[in-house]
Amino acid sequence: MTSTDPRSTVTCMGVYSKRVLPHILNTCGGMKSVAPMRQRACEGLGGDVIEIGFGSGLNIPFYPDSVTGVAAIEPADAGWKLAGQRLATTGLPITRSGLDGQSLPSADNTGAPKAVGATSLGVAVAGA
């Protein structure tokens, strides 16, 4: 039986985006063929970085030594849980700093990042 109630579609999409999609992105984004793109996207970053769409932390191994900290913007709890092993093995301070990019943390409290580098599945922002 098919439901015509629009609320059922919203509920299904909510479950999909919060529980299923993070696992798909983790698997696809973790493929070896994606690694060179992540490397290129993260090179040149330094200082404090804001990563919008942190997901499961697949960019963590690609951050250069010049990165001193990461403010991770990630709405999906499932993505954050998938990042657990990567978070546990890095010496880089990574903080979950919000659920969306509407209000970004910044070192000078202006909300204006100094430089932006797009990653394959998100955006990395180098702070002041």
Protein backbone atom coordinates (compact mmCIF):
# COMPACT_ATOMS: atom_id res chain seq x y z
CA MET A 1 0.00 0.00 0.00
CA THR A 2 1.36 3.42 -0.98
CA SER A 3 0.91 6.41 1.29
CA THR A 4 -0.10 9.75 -0.18
CA ASP A 5 0.62 11.53 3.09
CA PRO A 6 3.54 13.95 2.45
CA ARG A 7 4.69 13.44 6.05
CA SER A 8 5.61 9.83 5.25
CA THR A 9 7.97 11.05 2.50
CA VAL A 10 9.59 13.53 4.88
CA THR A 11 10.03 10.79 7.50
CA CYS A 12 11.57 8.41 4.97
CA MET A 13 13.94 11.08 3.66
CA GLY A 14 14.89 11.99 7.24
CA VAL A 15 15.80 8.40 8.03
CA TYR A 16 17.66 8.06 4.73
CA SER A 17 19.67 11.27 5.13
CA LYS A 18 20.48 10.68 8.79
CA ARG A 19 21.16 6.94 8.84
CA VAL A 20 21.74 5.56 5.35
CA LEU A 21 23.44 8.35 3.40
CA PRO A 22 26.38 8.76 5.83
CA HIS A 23 27.29 5.08 5.33
CA ILE A 24 27.06 5.39 1.54
CA LEU A 25 29.23 8.53 1.54
CA ASN A 26 31.75 6.87 3.87
CA THR A 27 32.06 3.87 1.57
CA CYS A 28 32.18 5.77 -1.72
CA GLY A 29 34.28 8.63 -0.38
CA GLY A 30 36.75 6.18 1.14
CA MET A 31 37.56 4.54 -2.17
CA LYS A 32 41.24 4.63 -3.17
CA SER A 33 40.38 6.47 -6.38
CA VAL A 34 39.16 9.46 -4.31
CA ALA A 35 42.38 9.80 -2.27
CA PRO A 36 44.27 11.95 -4.84
CA MET A 37 41.36 14.40 -4.94
CA ARG A 38 41.32 14.67 -1.15
CA GLN A 39 45.09 15.19 -1.15
CA ARG A 40 44.84 18.04 -3.67
CA ALA A 41 41.90 19.63 -1.86
CA CYS A 42 43.65 19.66 1.50
CA GLU A 43 47.15 20.68 0.43
CA GLY A 44 47.88 24.30 1.17
CA LEU A 45 45.58 24.41 4.20
CA GLY A 46 47.06 25.69 7.43
CA GLY A 47 46.12 27.02 10.84
CA ASP A 48 42.61 26.46 12.11
CA VAL A 49 40.35 24.84 9.53
CA ILE A 50 36.56 24.74 9.33
CA GLU A 51 35.35 21.71 7.40
CA ILE A 52 31.76 21.97 6.24
CA GLY A 53 30.43 18.50 5.55
CA PHE A 54 32.94 16.72 7.80
CA GLY A 55 31.06 13.45 7.33
CA SER A 56 33.02 10.48 8.62
CA GLY A 57 36.32 12.35 8.76
CA LEU A 58 37.76 10.98 5.54
CA ASN A 59 39.90 14.11 5.09
CA ILE A 60 41.71 13.68 8.43
CA PRO A 61 44.71 11.76 7.00
CA PHE A 62 45.14 14.37 4.27
CA TYR A 63 45.45 17.47 6.44
CA PRO A 64 49.01 18.83 6.19
CA ASP A 65 51.10 19.34 9.32
CA SER A 66 50.44 23.08 9.03
CA VAL A 67 46.81 22.51 10.13
CA THR A 68 46.60 23.18 13.87
CA GLY A 69 42.92 22.37 14.50
CA VAL A 70 39.65 21.52 12.77
CA ALA A 71 36.15 22.79 13.51
CA ALA A 72 33.94 20.05 12.05
CA ILE A 73 30.50 21.04 10.76
CA GLU A 74 28.40 17.87 10.39
CA PRO A 75 24.64 17.44 10.82
CA ALA A 76 24.54 13.62 10.78
CA ASP A 77 25.27 11.85 14.05
CA ALA A 78 25.91 8.68 12.03
CA GLY A 79 28.72 10.43 10.14
CA TRP A 80 30.29 11.61 13.38
CA LYS A 81 30.11 8.07 14.81
CA LEU A 82 31.73 6.68 11.66
CA ALA A 83 34.58 9.17 12.21
CA GLY A 84 35.28 7.71 15.67
CA GLN A 85 38.31 5.58 14.73
CA ARG A 86 39.87 8.37 12.66
CA LEU A 87 39.29 10.85 15.48
CA ALA A 88 40.84 8.47 18.01
CA THR A 89 44.03 8.00 16.01
CA THR A 90 44.82 11.61 15.09
CA GLY A 91 46.77 14.01 17.23
CA LEU A 92 44.99 16.91 15.56
CA PRO A 93 42.38 18.67 17.73
CA ILE A 94 39.04 18.22 15.97
CA THR A 95 35.88 19.66 17.49
CA ARG A 96 32.31 19.18 16.34
CA SER A 97 31.43 22.83 16.00
CA GLY A 98 27.94 22.83 14.58
CA LEU A 99 25.30 21.10 12.59
CA ASP A 100 25.24 23.43 9.58
CA GLY A 101 27.29 26.17 7.98
CA GLN A 102 24.95 29.06 8.83
CA SER A 103 27.11 30.26 11.70
CA LEU A 104 30.78 29.46 11.31
CA PRO A 105 33.31 29.69 14.13
CA SER A 106 36.33 31.90 13.45
CA ALA A 107 39.42 32.94 15.34
CA ASP A 108 38.57 36.64 15.13
CA ASN A 109 34.82 36.15 15.78
CA THR A 110 33.89 37.87 12.52
CA GLY A 111 32.55 34.69 10.94
CA ALA A 112 34.65 35.45 7.86
CA PRO A 113 37.14 32.71 6.95
CA LYS A 114 40.47 33.70 5.45
CA ALA A 115 40.68 31.03 2.73
CA VAL A 116 38.47 28.31 1.34
CA GLY A 117 39.48 24.98 -0.19
CA ALA A 118 36.83 22.61 -1.52
CA THR A 119 37.22 18.96 -0.62
CA SER A 120 35.66 16.17 -2.64
CA LEU A 121 32.72 15.83 -0.28
CA GLY A 122 32.81 19.03 1.71
CA VAL A 123 34.48 22.38 2.13
CA ALA A 124 37.56 23.07 4.21
CA VAL A 125 38.06 26.64 5.40
CA ALA A 126 41.40 27.85 6.71
CA GLY A 127 40.97 30.33 9.56
CA ALA A 128 43.14 33.22 10.66
